[in-house]
Amino acid sequence: MVKKLKEEDLNLWKEITSSIQPLKANKNIHEDSDKKSLKSDEKNVSTEYSLVKNSKKIIENLNKSKVKKNIEYTGIDRRTNQKMTRGNVQIGATLDLHGCTQIEAYDLLYDFLVKSYQDHLKLVLVITGKGRIVNYNEFNAVGVLKANLPIWLKEDKFFNIVNGYKFSNQRHGGSGAYYVLLKSK
């Protein structure tokens, strides 16, 4: 059932909305702001762009043909999933990837997961961070490590170690960290 507004509230709403004007859609807004930012920091931006471009090529080559397609991790049972969602889990070890490049992060992740698996740990926490938004006009900007971790965990070399993964609870980092459930030895 919909609650009807009081006359005072309705008048206030009309007064507020009467002063609002819709935004005009302009496709050139993003292009103009990009050109202005390039002029102000042309050297820094072009250097950062070339570094990002080269690292993307390296990572793409690294990820090609190693990723198993259509893998669904079913190792997280309902009860464990509930505990992870609530943050009521015992974390065996933690890996913080802040400040790492993609290649460094990949190598550290592999070494960390292998060591954790050998130490018979059941659950580990991998902190990727949420990522830095370089261009504030992009609403769907996601950190590179945060985006790549699920892709890496689906590779052949991780398949025999990892049972499943999930974003961590807010008290353990929220969407900037992952719980990784390891297989039993």
C-alpha atoms as a PDB file:
ATOM      1  CA  MET A   1       0.000   0.000   0.000  1.00  0.00           C
ATOM      2  CA  VAL A   2       1.354   3.400  -1.008  1.00  0.00           C
ATOM      3  CA  LYS A   3       1.445   6.077   1.676  1.00  0.00           C
ATOM      4  CA  LYS A   4       0.000   9.413   0.590  1.00  0.00           C
ATOM      5  CA  LEU A   5       2.032  12.545   1.218  1.00  0.00           C
ATOM      6  CA  LYS A   6       0.762  15.314   3.429  1.00  0.00           C
ATOM      7  CA  GLU A   7      -0.084  18.574   1.696  1.00  0.00           C
ATOM      8  CA  GLU A   8       2.921  20.314   3.323  1.00  0.00           C
ATOM      9  CA  ASP A   9       5.296  17.636   2.086  1.00  0.00           C
ATOM     10  CA  LEU A  10       3.800  17.711  -1.390  1.00  0.00           C
ATOM     11  CA  ASN A  11       4.165  21.503  -1.605  1.00  0.00           C
ATOM     12  CA  LEU A  12       7.768  21.284  -0.390  1.00  0.00           C
ATOM     13  CA  TRP A  13       8.525  18.579  -2.961  1.00  0.00           C
ATOM     14  CA  LYS A  14       7.017  20.674  -5.772  1.00  0.00           C
ATOM     15  CA  GLU A  15       9.028  23.703  -4.672  1.00  0.00           C
ATOM     16  CA  ILE A  16      12.290  21.756  -4.650  1.00  0.00           C
ATOM     17  CA  THR A  17      11.728  19.976  -7.944  1.00  0.00           C
ATOM     18  CA  SER A  18      10.637  23.145  -9.738  1.00  0.00           C
ATOM     19  CA  SER A  19      14.163  24.551  -9.428  1.00  0.00           C
ATOM     20  CA  ILE A  20      15.819  21.452 -10.891  1.00  0.00           C
ATOM     21  CA  GLN A  21      16.774  21.470 -14.554  1.00  0.00           C
ATOM     22  CA  PRO A  22      17.689  18.279 -16.401  1.00  0.00           C
ATOM     23  CA  LEU A  23      21.243  17.830 -17.623  1.00  0.00           C
ATOM     24  CA  LYS A  24      21.808  18.064 -21.337  1.00  0.00           C
ATOM     25  CA  ALA A  25      23.417  15.007 -22.855  1.00  0.00           C
ATOM     26  CA  ASN A  26      26.658  16.047 -24.526  1.00  0.00           C
ATOM     27  CA  LYS A  27      28.933  13.397 -25.984  1.00  0.00           C
ATOM     28  CA  ASN A  28      31.889  15.782 -26.167  1.00  0.00           C
ATOM     29  CA  ILE A  29      32.076  16.381 -22.397  1.00  0.00           C
ATOM     30  CA  HIS A  30      34.361  13.410 -21.789  1.00  0.00           C
ATOM     31  CA  GLU A  31      36.533  14.162 -24.796  1.00  0.00           C
ATOM     32  CA  ASP A  32      37.039  17.819 -23.777  1.00  0.00           C
ATOM     33  CA  SER A  33      37.940  16.957 -20.188  1.00  0.00           C
ATOM     34  CA  ASP A  34      40.388  14.300 -21.418  1.00  0.00           C
ATOM     35  CA  LYS A  35      42.087  16.816 -23.726  1.00  0.00           C
ATOM     36  CA  LYS A  36      42.414  19.401 -20.937  1.00  0.00           C
ATOM     37  CA  SER A  37      43.934  16.884 -18.534  1.00  0.00           C
ATOM     38  CA  LEU A  38      46.400  15.739 -21.213  1.00  0.00           C
ATOM     39  CA  LYS A  39      47.603  19.300 -21.757  1.00  0.00           C
ATOM     40  CA  SER A  40      48.136  19.971 -18.038  1.00  0.00           C
ATOM     41  CA  ASP A  41      50.088  16.778 -17.256  1.00  0.00           C
ATOM     42  CA  GLU A  42      51.115  15.675 -20.725  1.00  0.00           C
ATOM     43  CA  LYS A  43      54.450  14.158 -19.717  1.00  0.00           C
ATOM     44  CA  ASN A  44      53.151  12.289 -16.656  1.00  0.00           C
ATOM     45  CA  VAL A  45      50.053  10.994 -18.406  1.00  0.00           C
ATOM     46  CA  SER A  46      51.898   9.788 -21.481  1.00  0.00           C
ATOM     47  CA  THR A  47      54.480   7.999 -19.313  1.00  0.00           C
ATOM     48  CA  GLU A  48      51.780   6.385 -17.167  1.00  0.00           C
ATOM     49  CA  TYR A  49      49.842   5.413 -20.290  1.00  0.00           C
ATOM     50  CA  SER A  50      52.829   3.688 -21.875  1.00  0.00           C
ATOM     51  CA  LEU A  51      53.588   1.816 -18.630  1.00  0.00           C
ATOM     52  CA  VAL A  52      49.973   0.687 -18.309  1.00  0.00           C
ATOM     53  CA  LYS A  53      49.828  -0.265 -21.979  1.00  0.00           C
ATOM     54  CA  ASN A  54      53.010  -2.373 -21.744  1.00  0.00           C
ATOM     55  CA  SER A  55      51.923  -4.082 -18.526  1.00  0.00           C
ATOM     56  CA  LYS A  56      48.521  -4.885 -20.043  1.00  0.00           C
ATOM     57  CA  LYS A  57      50.228  -6.617 -22.973  1.00  0.00           C
ATOM     58  CA  ILE A  58      52.443  -8.623 -20.615  1.00  0.00           C
ATOM     59  CA  ILE A  59      49.517  -9.713 -18.458  1.00  0.00           C
ATOM     60  CA  GLU A  60      47.329 -10.552 -21.457  1.00  0.00           C
ATOM     61  CA  ASN A  61      50.070 -12.796 -22.820  1.00  0.00           C
ATOM     62  CA  LEU A  62      50.505 -14.323 -19.379  1.00  0.00           C
ATOM     63  CA  ASN A  63      46.792 -15.072 -19.070  1.00  0.00           C
ATOM     64  CA  LYS A  64      46.238 -16.399 -22.604  1.00  0.00           C
ATOM     65  CA  SER A  65      45.426 -20.095 -22.865  1.00  0.00           C
ATOM     66  CA  LYS A  66      46.190 -20.732 -19.199  1.00  0.00           C
ATOM     67  CA  VAL A  67      42.674 -19.933 -18.005  1.00  0.00           C
ATOM     68  CA  LYS A  68      40.204 -22.790 -17.817  1.00  0.00           C
ATOM     69  CA  LYS A  69      36.941 -21.727 -19.350  1.00  0.00           C
ATOM     70  CA  ASN A  70      33.624 -22.134 -17.539  1.00  0.00           C
ATOM     71  CA  ILE A  71      35.084 -23.228 -14.214  1.00  0.00           C
ATOM     72  CA  GLU A  72      32.601 -23.002 -11.409  1.00  0.00           C
ATOM     73  CA  TYR A  73      34.070 -23.336  -7.959  1.00  0.00           C
ATOM     74  CA  THR A  74      31.711 -25.497  -5.966  1.00  0.00           C
ATOM     75  CA  GLY A  75      34.012 -26.102  -3.020  1.00  0.00           C
ATOM     76  CA  ILE A  76      32.375 -23.477  -0.822  1.00  0.00           C
ATOM     77  CA  ASP A  77      29.513 -25.199   0.919  1.00  0.00           C
ATOM     78  CA  ARG A  78      26.477 -23.325   2.227  1.00  0.00           C
ATOM     79  CA  ARG A  79      27.624 -23.196   5.856  1.00  0.00           C
ATOM     80  CA  THR A  80      31.129 -21.994   4.968  1.00  0.00           C
ATOM     81  CA  ASN A  81      29.613 -19.416   2.639  1.00  0.00           C
ATOM     82  CA  GLN A  82      27.436 -18.106   5.486  1.00  0.00           C
ATOM     83  CA  LYS A  83      30.439 -17.859   7.789  1.00  0.00           C
ATOM     84  CA  MET A  84      32.404 -15.985   5.117  1.00  0.00           C
ATOM     85  CA  THR A  85      29.528 -13.594   4.481  1.00  0.00           C
ATOM     86  CA  ARG A  86      29.261 -12.822   8.199  1.00  0.00           C
ATOM     87  CA  GLY A  87      33.026 -12.607   8.662  1.00  0.00           C
ATOM     88  CA  ASN A  88      32.991 -15.392  11.269  1.00  0.00           C
ATOM     89  CA  VAL A  89      35.939 -17.257   9.818  1.00  0.00           C
ATOM     90  CA  GLN A  90      39.395 -18.060  11.053  1.00  0.00           C
ATOM     91  CA  ILE A  91      41.974 -16.747   8.604  1.00  0.00           C
ATOM     92  CA  GLY A  92      45.131 -18.846   8.425  1.00  0.00           C
ATOM     93  CA  ALA A  93      47.343 -16.283   6.669  1.00  0.00           C
ATOM     94  CA  THR A  94      47.088 -12.915   4.937  1.00  0.00           C
ATOM     95  CA  LEU A  95      48.737 -11.561   1.788  1.00  0.00           C
ATOM     96  CA  ASP A  96      48.658  -7.813   1.118  1.00  0.00           C
ATOM     97  CA  LEU A  97      49.233  -6.895  -2.534  1.00  0.00           C
ATOM     98  CA  HIS A  98      49.040  -3.102  -2.103  1.00  0.00           C
ATOM     99  CA  GLY A  99      51.700  -1.343  -4.137  1.00  0.00           C
ATOM    100  CA  CYS A 100      52.584  -4.386  -6.263  1.00  0.00           C
ATOM    101  CA  THR A 101      52.640  -4.448 -10.028  1.00  0.00           C
ATOM    102  CA  GLN A 102      50.534  -7.095 -11.734  1.00  0.00           C
ATOM    103  CA  ILE A 103      53.516  -9.332 -12.396  1.00  0.00           C
ATOM    104  CA  GLU A 104      54.814  -9.025  -8.835  1.00  0.00           C
ATOM    105  CA  ALA A 105      51.323  -9.629  -7.449  1.00  0.00           C
ATOM    106  CA  TYR A 106      50.858 -12.729  -9.599  1.00  0.00           C
ATOM    107  CA  ASP A 107      54.155 -14.242  -8.456  1.00  0.00           C
ATOM    108  CA  LEU A 108      53.528 -13.372  -4.799  1.00  0.00           C
ATOM    109  CA  LEU A 109      50.019 -14.829  -4.991  1.00  0.00           C
ATOM    110  CA  TYR A 110      51.222 -18.113  -6.452  1.00  0.00           C
ATOM    111  CA  ASP A 111      54.026 -18.511  -3.893  1.00  0.00           C
ATOM    112  CA  PHE A 112      51.685 -17.567  -1.036  1.00  0.00           C
ATOM    113  CA  LEU A 113      48.949 -20.013  -2.046  1.00  0.00           C
ATOM    114  CA  VAL A 114      51.385 -22.884  -2.583  1.00  0.00           C
ATOM    115  CA  LYS A 115      52.981 -22.280   0.828  1.00  0.00           C
ATOM    116  CA  SER A 116      49.572 -21.991   2.507  1.00  0.00           C
ATOM    117  CA  TYR A 117      48.432 -25.208   0.827  1.00  0.00           C
ATOM    118  CA  GLN A 118      51.580 -27.016   1.966  1.00  0.00           C
ATOM    119  CA  ASP A 119      51.037 -25.706   5.515  1.00  0.00           C
ATOM    120  CA  HIS A 120      47.526 -27.270   5.454  1.00  0.00           C
ATOM    121  CA  LEU A 121      45.750 -23.918   5.838  1.00  0.00           C
ATOM    122  CA  LYS A 122      42.068 -23.954   4.989  1.00  0.00           C
ATOM    123  CA  LEU A 123      41.278 -20.268   4.449  1.00  0.00           C
ATOM    124  CA  VAL A 124      43.534 -17.329   3.566  1.00  0.00           C
ATOM    125  CA  LEU A 125      42.900 -13.640   2.971  1.00  0.00           C
ATOM    126  CA  VAL A 126      44.304 -11.883  -0.107  1.00  0.00           C
ATOM    127  CA  ILE A 127      44.099  -8.085   0.063  1.00  0.00           C
ATOM    128  CA  THR A 128      44.094  -6.481  -3.385  1.00  0.00           C
ATOM    129  CA  GLY A 129      42.760  -3.056  -2.486  1.00  0.00           C
ATOM    130  CA  LYS A 130      39.860  -1.421  -4.239  1.00  0.00           C
ATOM    131  CA  GLY A 131      42.021   0.325  -6.801  1.00  0.00           C
ATOM    132  CA  ARG A 132      42.783   3.926  -7.583  1.00  0.00           C
ATOM    133  CA  ILE A 133      40.432   5.758  -9.910  1.00  0.00           C
ATOM    134  CA  VAL A 134      42.607   7.802 -12.268  1.00  0.00           C
ATOM    135  CA  ASN A 135      39.796   9.250 -14.370  1.00  0.00           C
ATOM    136  CA  TYR A 136      36.907  10.361 -12.170  1.00  0.00           C
ATOM    137  CA  ASN A 137      34.522  10.293 -15.131  1.00  0.00           C
ATOM    138  CA  GLU A 138      34.642   6.505 -15.193  1.00  0.00           C
ATOM    139  CA  PHE A 139      31.974   5.151 -12.876  1.00  0.00           C
ATOM    140  CA  ASN A 140      32.906   1.494 -13.339  1.00  0.00           C
ATOM    141  CA  ALA A 141      36.592   1.891 -12.558  1.00  0.00           C
ATOM    142  CA  VAL A 142      37.960  -1.163 -10.750  1.00  0.00           C
ATOM    143  CA  GLY A 143      41.420  -1.826  -9.434  1.00  0.00           C
ATOM    144  CA  VAL A 144      43.602  -3.916 -11.716  1.00  0.00           C
ATOM    145  CA  LEU A 145      44.574  -6.453  -9.055  1.00  0.00           C
ATOM    146  CA  LYS A 146      41.005  -6.693  -7.808  1.00  0.00           C
ATOM    147  CA  ALA A 147      39.793  -7.443 -11.336  1.00  0.00           C
ATOM    148  CA  ASN A 148      42.580  -9.898 -12.201  1.00  0.00           C
ATOM    149  CA  LEU A 149      42.609 -12.032  -9.050  1.00  0.00           C
ATOM    150  CA  PRO A 150      39.521 -14.102 -10.006  1.00  0.00           C
ATOM    151  CA  ILE A 151      40.966 -14.632 -13.481  1.00  0.00           C
ATOM    152  CA  TRP A 152      44.287 -15.793 -12.062  1.00  0.00           C
ATOM    153  CA  LEU A 153      42.616 -18.175  -9.617  1.00  0.00           C
ATOM    154  CA  LYS A 154      40.920 -19.956 -12.535  1.00  0.00           C
ATOM    155  CA  GLU A 155      44.238 -20.852 -14.160  1.00  0.00           C
ATOM    156  CA  ASP A 156      45.495 -24.431 -14.344  1.00  0.00           C
ATOM    157  CA  LYS A 157      48.290 -23.888 -11.835  1.00  0.00           C
ATOM    158  CA  PHE A 158      45.820 -22.700  -9.163  1.00  0.00           C
ATOM    159  CA  PHE A 159      43.119 -25.254  -9.979  1.00  0.00           C
ATOM    160  CA  ASN A 160      44.653 -28.005  -7.825  1.00  0.00           C
ATOM    161  CA  ILE A 161      45.117 -25.651  -4.859  1.00  0.00           C
ATOM    162  CA  VAL A 162      42.071 -23.363  -4.778  1.00  0.00           C
ATOM    163  CA  ASN A 163      38.644 -24.643  -3.835  1.00  0.00           C
ATOM    164  CA  GLY A 164      36.850 -21.313  -4.073  1.00  0.00           C
ATOM    165  CA  TYR A 165      37.056 -17.579  -3.442  1.00  0.00           C
ATOM    166  CA  LYS A 166      34.743 -14.796  -2.379  1.00  0.00           C
ATOM    167  CA  PHE A 167      34.875 -11.109  -1.433  1.00  0.00           C
ATOM    168  CA  SER A 168      35.661 -10.751   2.233  1.00  0.00           C
ATOM    169  CA  ASN A 169      33.429  -9.357   4.954  1.00  0.00           C
ATOM    170  CA  GLN A 170      33.699  -5.621   5.612  1.00  0.00           C
ATOM    171  CA  ARG A 171      35.754  -6.173   8.778  1.00  0.00           C
ATOM    172  CA  HIS A 172      38.400  -7.977   6.706  1.00  0.00           C
ATOM    173  CA  GLY A 173      38.529  -5.504   3.812  1.00  0.00           C
ATOM    174  CA  GLY A 174      35.185  -5.778   2.057  1.00  0.00           C
ATOM    175  CA  SER A 175      35.395  -5.617  -1.710  1.00  0.00           C
ATOM    176  CA  GLY A 176      39.111  -4.817  -1.482  1.00  0.00           C
ATOM    177  CA  ALA A 177      39.993  -8.319  -0.282  1.00  0.00           C
ATOM    178  CA  TYR A 178      39.162 -11.924  -1.079  1.00  0.00           C
ATOM    179  CA  TYR A 179      38.742 -15.002   1.069  1.00  0.00           C
ATOM    180  CA  VAL A 180      40.434 -17.888  -0.724  1.00  0.00           C
ATOM    181  CA  LEU A 181      39.352 -21.369   0.350  1.00  0.00           C
ATOM    182  CA  LEU A 182      42.100 -23.929  -0.244  1.00  0.00           C
ATOM    183  CA  LYS A 183      41.655 -27.604  -1.028  1.00  0.00           C
ATOM    184  CA  SER A 184      42.545 -30.217   1.543  1.00  0.00           C
ATOM    185  CA  LYS A 185      45.775 -32.072   0.993  1.00  0.00           C
END
